[in-house]
Amino acid sequence: MIKILFVCHGNICRSTMAESVMTYLVKQKKLEHSFYINSAATSREEIGNSPHYGTVGKLREMKIPLIPHRAVQMTKQDYNTYDYLVGMDTANIRNMTRIADGDSEGKIYKLLSFASSGRDVADPWYTGDFDTTYADVLEGCTGLLAYILNNDKDRL
């Protein structure tokens, strides 16, 4: 089983959107039995809160089922549990690496690095623009799934 943890600052906007989008893409390929997908925050600000209404609305608009979730914080143990720890932006990557006490196994990635771009996923918390965030998340998750299908197919 391939285990993926999506991470953003608060775990109510981008990472929960990525969790739902990736779960949807995996189900479209009929590979859900081969994946465990979750999300977490680097901060404690939103712990226990449900996904942001903007994330919920955008996923509903795109007809992608929302994965029920309450915000949790990434832990050091998550580094050992997951195969891919995928951050949404440069600050997330820095904080994830700090929480994990480094990245000795090379398991921490920025989502859009799977889409031939090093840019950050747009943060709708500041802009209210969930359309751009969704486009970034879809591009990154599509790239991540293609990467896994090409590089981890022996585990599927």
N, C-alpha and C. Protein backbone atom coordinates (compact mmCIF):
# COMPACT_ATOMS: atom_id res chain seq x y z
N MET A 1 0.84 -1.18 0.00
CA MET A 1 0.00 0.00 0.00
C MET A 1 0.88 1.25 0.00
N ILE A 2 0.51 2.19 -0.83
CA ILE A 2 1.23 3.46 -0.91
C ILE A 2 0.50 4.47 -0.04
N LYS A 3 1.24 5.08 0.89
CA LYS A 3 0.65 6.01 1.85
C LYS A 3 1.11 7.44 1.55
N ILE A 4 0.13 8.32 1.38
CA ILE A 4 0.40 9.72 1.03
C ILE A 4 -0.22 10.63 2.09
N LEU A 5 0.57 11.58 2.56
CA LEU A 5 0.08 12.60 3.48
C LEU A 5 0.25 13.96 2.81
N PHE A 6 -0.86 14.66 2.57
CA PHE A 6 -0.82 16.01 2.04
C PHE A 6 -0.79 16.98 3.22
N VAL A 7 0.05 18.01 3.11
CA VAL A 7 0.26 18.92 4.25
C VAL A 7 0.21 20.38 3.79
N CYS A 8 -0.53 21.19 4.55
CA CYS A 8 -0.49 22.64 4.37
C CYS A 8 -0.45 23.29 5.76
N HIS A 9 -0.61 24.57 5.82
CA HIS A 9 -0.47 25.27 7.09
C HIS A 9 -1.56 24.87 8.10
N GLY A 10 -2.83 24.95 7.69
CA GLY A 10 -3.91 24.74 8.65
C GLY A 10 -4.71 23.46 8.48
N ASN A 11 -4.56 22.78 7.33
CA ASN A 11 -5.26 21.52 7.05
C ASN A 11 -6.77 21.71 6.93
N ILE A 12 -7.17 22.87 6.37
CA ILE A 12 -8.59 23.07 6.10
C ILE A 12 -8.85 23.49 4.65
N CYS A 13 -7.83 23.93 3.92
CA CYS A 13 -8.04 24.38 2.54
C CYS A 13 -7.31 23.48 1.54
N ARG A 14 -6.03 23.72 1.35
CA ARG A 14 -5.29 23.05 0.28
C ARG A 14 -5.06 21.56 0.51
N SER A 15 -4.61 21.18 1.70
CA SER A 15 -4.29 19.77 1.91
C SER A 15 -5.55 18.90 1.92
N THR A 16 -6.65 19.43 2.46
CA THR A 16 -7.89 18.65 2.42
C THR A 16 -8.42 18.56 1.00
N MET A 17 -8.23 19.62 0.21
CA MET A 17 -8.62 19.57 -1.19
C MET A 17 -7.78 18.52 -1.92
N ALA A 18 -6.48 18.51 -1.67
CA ALA A 18 -5.59 17.54 -2.32
C ALA A 18 -5.95 16.11 -1.90
N GLU A 19 -6.28 15.91 -0.63
CA GLU A 19 -6.69 14.58 -0.15
C GLU A 19 -7.91 14.09 -0.92
N SER A 20 -8.90 14.95 -1.09
CA SER A 20 -10.12 14.57 -1.80
C SER A 20 -9.87 14.36 -3.29
N VAL A 21 -9.10 15.26 -3.91
CA VAL A 21 -8.81 15.15 -5.35
C VAL A 21 -8.01 13.88 -5.63
N MET A 22 -6.98 13.63 -4.84
CA MET A 22 -6.16 12.44 -5.07
C MET A 22 -6.97 11.17 -4.86
N THR A 23 -7.80 11.14 -3.84
CA THR A 23 -8.66 9.98 -3.60
C THR A 23 -9.57 9.74 -4.80
N TYR A 24 -10.11 10.80 -5.36
CA TYR A 24 -10.97 10.72 -6.54
C TYR A 24 -10.20 10.18 -7.75
N LEU A 25 -9.01 10.71 -7.99
CA LEU A 25 -8.19 10.26 -9.13
C LEU A 25 -7.82 8.78 -9.00
N VAL A 26 -7.47 8.37 -7.80
CA VAL A 26 -7.10 6.98 -7.54
C VAL A 26 -8.31 6.06 -7.78
N LYS A 27 -9.49 6.49 -7.33
CA LYS A 27 -10.71 5.69 -7.56
C LYS A 27 -11.04 5.60 -9.04
N GLN A 28 -10.79 6.68 -9.78
CA GLN A 28 -11.04 6.66 -11.23
C GLN A 28 -10.19 5.58 -11.91
N LYS A 29 -9.00 5.33 -11.37
CA LYS A 29 -8.10 4.31 -11.92
C LYS A 29 -8.35 2.93 -11.29
N LYS A 30 -9.33 2.88 -10.37
CA LYS A 30 -9.67 1.63 -9.66
C LYS A 30 -8.48 1.07 -8.87
N LEU A 31 -7.75 1.98 -8.22
CA LEU A 31 -6.58 1.61 -7.44
C LEU A 31 -6.73 1.93 -5.95
N GLU A 32 -7.96 2.21 -5.52
CA GLU A 32 -8.15 2.64 -4.13
C GLU A 32 -7.65 1.62 -3.11
N HIS A 33 -7.63 0.36 -3.45
CA HIS A 33 -7.13 -0.67 -2.52
C HIS A 33 -5.61 -0.59 -2.33
N SER A 34 -4.93 0.16 -3.20
CA SER A 34 -3.47 0.26 -3.14
C SER A 34 -2.97 1.53 -2.47
N PHE A 35 -3.89 2.40 -2.04
CA PHE A 35 -3.50 3.69 -1.50
C PHE A 35 -4.16 3.96 -0.16
N TYR A 36 -3.42 4.67 0.71
CA TYR A 36 -3.96 5.27 1.92
C TYR A 36 -3.60 6.75 1.81
N ILE A 37 -4.61 7.62 1.80
CA ILE A 37 -4.41 9.05 1.57
C ILE A 37 -5.00 9.82 2.74
N ASN A 38 -4.22 10.78 3.26
CA ASN A 38 -4.65 11.57 4.40
C ASN A 38 -4.09 12.97 4.27
N SER A 39 -4.39 13.85 5.22
CA SER A 39 -3.85 15.20 5.21
C SER A 39 -3.62 15.69 6.63
N ALA A 40 -2.77 16.71 6.74
CA ALA A 40 -2.41 17.26 8.06
C ALA A 40 -1.92 18.70 7.90
N ALA A 41 -1.73 19.34 9.03
CA ALA A 41 -1.26 20.73 9.10
C ALA A 41 0.14 20.78 9.68
N THR A 42 0.83 21.88 9.41
CA THR A 42 2.09 22.12 10.11
C THR A 42 1.84 22.95 11.37
N SER A 43 0.71 23.63 11.45
CA SER A 43 0.40 24.46 12.61
C SER A 43 -0.70 23.81 13.46
N ARG A 44 -1.01 24.45 14.57
CA ARG A 44 -2.08 23.95 15.45
C ARG A 44 -3.32 24.85 15.37
N GLU A 45 -3.29 25.86 14.55
CA GLU A 45 -4.34 26.89 14.54
C GLU A 45 -5.74 26.38 14.26
N GLU A 46 -5.87 25.40 13.40
CA GLU A 46 -7.19 24.92 12.97
C GLU A 46 -7.53 23.52 13.48
N ILE A 47 -6.73 22.97 14.39
CA ILE A 47 -6.92 21.59 14.86
C ILE A 47 -8.38 21.36 15.25
N GLY A 48 -8.94 20.28 14.70
CA GLY A 48 -10.32 19.92 15.00
C GLY A 48 -11.35 20.53 14.07
N ASN A 49 -10.96 21.51 13.27
CA ASN A 49 -11.91 22.15 12.37
C ASN A 49 -12.11 21.34 11.10
N SER A 50 -13.28 21.48 10.52
CA SER A 50 -13.60 20.80 9.27
C SER A 50 -13.06 21.61 8.09
N PRO A 51 -13.07 21.04 6.88
CA PRO A 51 -12.57 21.76 5.71
C PRO A 51 -13.28 23.10 5.50
N HIS A 52 -12.54 24.06 4.99
CA HIS A 52 -13.03 25.41 4.72
C HIS A 52 -14.20 25.34 3.74
N TYR A 53 -15.19 26.21 3.94
CA TYR A 53 -16.37 26.21 3.07
C TYR A 53 -16.01 26.44 1.60
N GLY A 54 -14.91 27.15 1.34
CA GLY A 54 -14.48 27.36 -0.04
C GLY A 54 -13.98 26.07 -0.69
N THR A 55 -13.28 25.26 0.08
CA THR A 55 -12.83 23.95 -0.40
C THR A 55 -14.03 23.05 -0.64
N VAL A 56 -14.95 23.03 0.31
CA VAL A 56 -16.16 22.21 0.19
C VAL A 56 -16.94 22.61 -1.06
N GLY A 57 -17.11 23.91 -1.26
CA GLY A 57 -17.86 24.40 -2.40
C GLY A 57 -17.20 24.09 -3.73
N LYS A 58 -15.90 24.25 -3.80
CA LYS A 58 -15.19 23.98 -5.06
C LYS A 58 -15.24 22.50 -5.39
N LEU A 59 -15.04 21.63 -4.42
CA LEU A 59 -15.12 20.20 -4.68
C LEU A 59 -16.53 19.81 -5.11
N ARG A 60 -17.54 20.38 -4.49
CA ARG A 60 -18.94 20.11 -4.87
C ARG A 60 -19.17 20.55 -6.32
N GLU A 61 -18.68 21.73 -6.65
CA GLU A 61 -18.82 22.24 -8.02
C GLU A 61 -18.18 21.29 -9.04
N MET A 62 -17.05 20.71 -8.68
CA MET A 62 -16.32 19.81 -9.58
C MET A 62 -16.80 18.37 -9.48
N LYS A 63 -17.81 18.14 -8.63
CA LYS A 63 -18.39 16.81 -8.43
C LYS A 63 -17.37 15.79 -7.91
N ILE A 64 -16.49 16.28 -7.03
CA ILE A 64 -15.51 15.43 -6.36
C ILE A 64 -15.94 15.28 -4.92
N PRO A 65 -16.16 14.06 -4.46
CA PRO A 65 -16.61 13.85 -3.08
C PRO A 65 -15.58 14.38 -2.06
N LEU A 66 -16.09 15.09 -1.08
CA LEU A 66 -15.25 15.57 0.02
C LEU A 66 -14.97 14.42 0.96
N ILE A 67 -13.71 14.19 1.27
CA ILE A 67 -13.34 13.19 2.27
C ILE A 67 -13.60 13.82 3.64
N PRO A 68 -14.45 13.22 4.47
CA PRO A 68 -14.70 13.78 5.80
C PRO A 68 -13.38 13.89 6.57
N HIS A 69 -13.17 15.03 7.19
CA HIS A 69 -11.87 15.26 7.82
C HIS A 69 -11.99 16.35 8.88
N ARG A 70 -11.20 16.22 9.90
CA ARG A 70 -10.98 17.27 10.91
C ARG A 70 -9.50 17.54 10.95
N ALA A 71 -9.14 18.81 10.99
CA ALA A 71 -7.72 19.19 10.94
C ALA A 71 -6.92 18.55 12.06
N VAL A 72 -5.76 18.02 11.69
CA VAL A 72 -4.80 17.45 12.62
C VAL A 72 -3.42 18.01 12.29
N GLN A 73 -2.51 17.90 13.23
CA GLN A 73 -1.15 18.37 13.00
C GLN A 73 -0.26 17.19 12.63
N MET A 74 0.62 17.42 11.67
CA MET A 74 1.63 16.43 11.31
C MET A 74 2.52 16.16 12.52
N THR A 75 2.93 14.89 12.67
CA THR A 75 3.81 14.51 13.76
C THR A 75 5.10 13.91 13.20
N LYS A 76 6.07 13.80 14.07
CA LYS A 76 7.33 13.16 13.68
C LYS A 76 7.09 11.71 13.23
N GLN A 77 6.17 11.02 13.87
CA GLN A 77 5.85 9.63 13.51
C GLN A 77 5.30 9.52 12.09
N ASP A 78 4.62 10.56 11.62
CA ASP A 78 4.08 10.54 10.26
C ASP A 78 5.17 10.30 9.22
N TYR A 79 6.37 10.79 9.50
CA TYR A 79 7.47 10.59 8.55
C TYR A 79 7.74 9.10 8.36
N ASN A 80 7.64 8.32 9.42
CA ASN A 80 7.87 6.88 9.32
C ASN A 80 6.67 6.15 8.72
N THR A 81 5.48 6.69 8.89
CA THR A 81 4.24 6.04 8.45
C THR A 81 4.01 6.19 6.95
N TYR A 82 4.29 7.37 6.40
CA TYR A 82 3.93 7.68 5.01
C TYR A 82 5.11 7.53 4.06
N ASP A 83 4.79 7.19 2.81
CA ASP A 83 5.79 7.08 1.74
C ASP A 83 6.05 8.43 1.09
N TYR A 84 4.99 9.21 0.97
CA TYR A 84 5.06 10.53 0.34
C TYR A 84 4.43 11.53 1.29
N LEU A 85 5.21 12.53 1.71
CA LEU A 85 4.71 13.63 2.52
C LEU A 85 4.77 14.85 1.62
N VAL A 86 3.61 15.34 1.22
CA VAL A 86 3.53 16.31 0.13
C VAL A 86 3.02 17.65 0.64
N GLY A 87 3.91 18.64 0.64
CA GLY A 87 3.56 19.98 1.09
C GLY A 87 3.07 20.85 -0.05
N MET A 88 2.33 21.87 0.31
CA MET A 88 1.73 22.76 -0.69
C MET A 88 2.61 23.95 -1.06
N ASP A 89 3.52 24.33 -0.17
CA ASP A 89 4.37 25.48 -0.48
C ASP A 89 5.72 25.37 0.24
N THR A 90 6.59 26.30 -0.06
CA THR A 90 7.95 26.29 0.47
C THR A 90 7.96 26.35 2.00
N ALA A 91 7.10 27.17 2.58
CA ALA A 91 7.04 27.26 4.04
C ALA A 91 6.58 25.93 4.64
N ASN A 92 5.63 25.26 4.00
CA ASN A 92 5.19 23.94 4.49
C ASN A 92 6.35 22.97 4.48
N ILE A 93 7.11 22.95 3.39
CA ILE A 93 8.24 22.03 3.27
C ILE A 93 9.24 22.27 4.40
N ARG A 94 9.54 23.52 4.66
CA ARG A 94 10.48 23.87 5.74
C ARG A 94 9.94 23.38 7.09
N ASN A 95 8.66 23.61 7.35
CA ASN A 95 8.07 23.20 8.62
C ASN A 95 7.92 21.68 8.73
N MET A 96 7.59 21.02 7.62
CA MET A 96 7.50 19.56 7.61
C MET A 96 8.86 18.93 7.93
N THR A 97 9.90 19.48 7.33
CA THR A 97 11.26 18.98 7.56
C THR A 97 11.66 19.18 9.02
N ARG A 98 11.26 20.30 9.59
CA ARG A 98 11.53 20.56 11.01
C ARG A 98 10.78 19.56 11.89
N ILE A 99 9.50 19.35 11.62
CA ILE A 99 8.69 18.41 12.42
C ILE A 99 9.28 17.00 12.33
N ALA A 100 9.74 16.61 11.14
CA ALA A 100 10.26 15.26 10.92
C ALA A 100 11.72 15.10 11.35
N ASP A 101 12.34 16.17 11.82
CA ASP A 101 13.76 16.16 12.15
C ASP A 101 14.61 15.81 10.92
N GLY A 102 14.26 16.40 9.79
CA GLY A 102 15.00 16.19 8.56
C GLY A 102 14.22 15.34 7.56
N ASP A 103 14.88 15.06 6.45
CA ASP A 103 14.26 14.25 5.40
C ASP A 103 15.28 13.24 4.90
N SER A 104 15.74 12.40 5.81
CA SER A 104 16.83 11.46 5.51
C SER A 104 16.48 10.45 4.42
N GLU A 105 15.18 10.17 4.24
CA GLU A 105 14.77 9.19 3.24
C GLU A 105 14.24 9.82 1.97
N GLY A 106 14.27 11.15 1.88
CA GLY A 106 13.81 11.84 0.68
C GLY A 106 12.33 11.63 0.40
N LYS A 107 11.49 11.74 1.44
CA LYS A 107 10.06 11.49 1.31
C LYS A 107 9.21 12.76 1.32
N ILE A 108 9.85 13.91 1.51
CA ILE A 108 9.11 15.17 1.55
C ILE A 108 9.23 15.85 0.19
N TYR A 109 8.07 16.19 -0.36
CA TYR A 109 7.98 16.79 -1.70
C TYR A 109 7.06 18.00 -1.68
N LYS A 110 7.27 18.91 -2.64
CA LYS A 110 6.31 19.97 -2.88
C LYS A 110 5.38 19.49 -3.99
N LEU A 111 4.07 19.65 -3.81
CA LEU A 111 3.09 19.07 -4.74
C LEU A 111 3.36 19.42 -6.20
N LEU A 112 3.60 20.68 -6.49
CA LEU A 112 3.75 21.05 -7.89
C LEU A 112 5.09 20.65 -8.50
N SER A 113 5.98 20.06 -7.70
CA SER A 113 7.20 19.49 -8.29
C SER A 113 6.85 18.28 -9.15
N PHE A 114 5.68 17.70 -8.95
CA PHE A 114 5.22 16.58 -9.78
C PHE A 114 4.57 17.07 -11.07
N ALA A 115 4.47 18.36 -11.22
CA ALA A 115 3.88 18.95 -12.43
C ALA A 115 4.92 19.79 -13.17
N SER A 116 6.19 19.41 -13.02
CA SER A 116 7.29 20.11 -13.69
C SER A 116 7.34 21.59 -13.34
N SER A 117 6.98 21.90 -12.11
CA SER A 117 7.02 23.28 -11.64
C SER A 117 7.42 23.26 -10.18
N GLY A 118 8.21 24.20 -9.76
CA GLY A 118 8.57 24.28 -8.36
C GLY A 118 7.72 25.27 -7.60
N ARG A 119 6.70 25.82 -8.27
CA ARG A 119 5.94 26.90 -7.63
C ARG A 119 5.05 26.37 -6.50
N ASP A 120 4.61 27.28 -5.67
CA ASP A 120 3.73 26.95 -4.55
C ASP A 120 2.29 26.81 -5.04
N VAL A 121 1.52 25.97 -4.39
CA VAL A 121 0.07 25.90 -4.63
C VAL A 121 -0.54 27.18 -4.07
N ALA A 122 -1.36 27.83 -4.88
CA ALA A 122 -1.99 29.09 -4.45
C ALA A 122 -2.76 28.87 -3.15
N ASP A 123 -2.59 29.79 -2.21
CA ASP A 123 -3.24 29.68 -0.91
C ASP A 123 -4.51 30.51 -0.88
N PRO A 124 -5.69 29.85 -0.91
CA PRO A 124 -6.95 30.58 -0.95
C PRO A 124 -7.32 31.26 0.36
N TRP A 125 -6.61 30.93 1.44
CA TRP A 125 -6.89 31.56 2.72
C TRP A 125 -6.74 33.07 2.61
N TYR A 126 -5.76 33.50 1.81
CA TYR A 126 -5.47 34.92 1.67
C TYR A 126 -6.20 35.56 0.50
N THR A 127 -6.48 34.78 -0.55
CA THR A 127 -7.05 35.34 -1.77
C THR A 127 -8.54 35.06 -1.94
N GLY A 128 -9.03 33.99 -1.34
CA GLY A 128 -10.41 33.57 -1.56
C GLY A 128 -10.59 32.92 -2.92
N ASP A 129 -9.50 32.72 -3.65
CA ASP A 129 -9.54 32.17 -5.02
C ASP A 129 -9.37 30.65 -4.99
N PHE A 130 -10.46 29.95 -4.79
CA PHE A 130 -10.40 28.49 -4.74
C PHE A 130 -10.30 27.87 -6.13
N ASP A 131 -10.62 28.65 -7.17
CA ASP A 131 -10.49 28.14 -8.54
C ASP A 131 -9.02 27.91 -8.89
N THR A 132 -8.17 28.88 -8.60
CA THR A 132 -6.74 28.73 -8.87
C THR A 132 -6.14 27.63 -8.01
N THR A 133 -6.54 27.58 -6.76
CA THR A 133 -6.05 26.52 -5.88
C THR A 133 -6.44 25.15 -6.43
N TYR A 134 -7.68 25.00 -6.85
CA TYR A 134 -8.13 23.73 -7.41
C TYR A 134 -7.31 23.36 -8.64
N ALA A 135 -7.08 24.31 -9.53
CA ALA A 135 -6.29 24.03 -10.73
C ALA A 135 -4.89 23.56 -10.36
N ASP A 136 -4.27 24.21 -9.38
CA ASP A 136 -2.94 23.81 -8.92
C ASP A 136 -2.97 22.41 -8.30
N VAL A 137 -3.96 22.16 -7.46
CA VAL A 137 -4.07 20.86 -6.78
C VAL A 137 -4.31 19.75 -7.80
N LEU A 138 -5.20 19.98 -8.74
CA LEU A 138 -5.48 18.97 -9.77
C LEU A 138 -4.23 18.68 -10.59
N GLU A 139 -3.52 19.72 -10.99
CA GLU A 139 -2.28 19.55 -11.76
C GLU A 139 -1.25 18.75 -10.95
N GLY A 140 -1.09 19.11 -9.70
CA GLY A 140 -0.11 18.42 -8.85
C GLY A 140 -0.49 16.98 -8.55
N CYS A 141 -1.74 16.74 -8.24
CA CYS A 141 -2.19 15.37 -7.92
C CYS A 141 -2.14 14.47 -9.16
N THR A 142 -2.48 15.02 -10.31
CA THR A 142 -2.38 14.26 -11.56
C THR A 142 -0.93 13.88 -11.82
N GLY A 143 -0.02 14.82 -11.61
CA GLY A 143 1.41 14.55 -11.77
C GLY A 143 1.93 13.55 -10.75
N LEU A 144 1.49 13.67 -9.51
CA LEU A 144 1.92 12.75 -8.46
C LEU A 144 1.45 11.33 -8.77
N LEU A 145 0.21 11.18 -9.21
CA LEU A 145 -0.29 9.85 -9.54
C LEU A 145 0.48 9.26 -10.72
N ALA A 146 0.77 10.07 -11.72
CA ALA A 146 1.57 9.58 -12.86
C ALA A 146 2.96 9.16 -12.40
N TYR A 147 3.55 9.95 -11.50
CA TYR A 147 4.87 9.62 -10.95
C TYR A 147 4.84 8.27 -10.24
N ILE A 148 3.83 8.08 -9.41
CA ILE A 148 3.72 6.82 -8.66
C ILE A 148 3.49 5.65 -9.62
N LEU A 149 2.63 5.83 -10.61
CA LEU A 149 2.36 4.76 -11.58
C LEU A 149 3.62 4.39 -12.37
N ASN A 150 4.50 5.35 -12.57
CA ASN A 150 5.75 5.09 -13.31
C ASN A 150 6.88 4.58 -12.42
N ASN A 151 6.88 4.98 -11.16
CA ASN A 151 8.03 4.68 -10.29
C ASN A 151 7.75 3.71 -9.14
N ASP A 152 6.48 3.50 -8.81
CA ASP A 152 6.11 2.63 -7.69
C ASP A 152 5.13 1.55 -8.12
N LYS A 153 5.08 1.27 -9.42
CA LYS A 153 4.05 0.33 -9.92
C LYS A 153 4.19 -1.06 -9.35
N ASP A 154 5.38 -1.42 -8.88
CA ASP A 154 5.56 -2.75 -8.27
C ASP A 154 4.81 -2.87 -6.94
N ARG A 155 4.38 -1.75 -6.37
CA ARG A 155 3.66 -1.76 -5.09
C ARG A 155 2.15 -1.65 -5.29
N LEU A 156 1.70 -1.57 -6.52
CA LEU A 156 0.26 -1.41 -6.78
C LEU A 156 -0.43 -2.74 -6.99
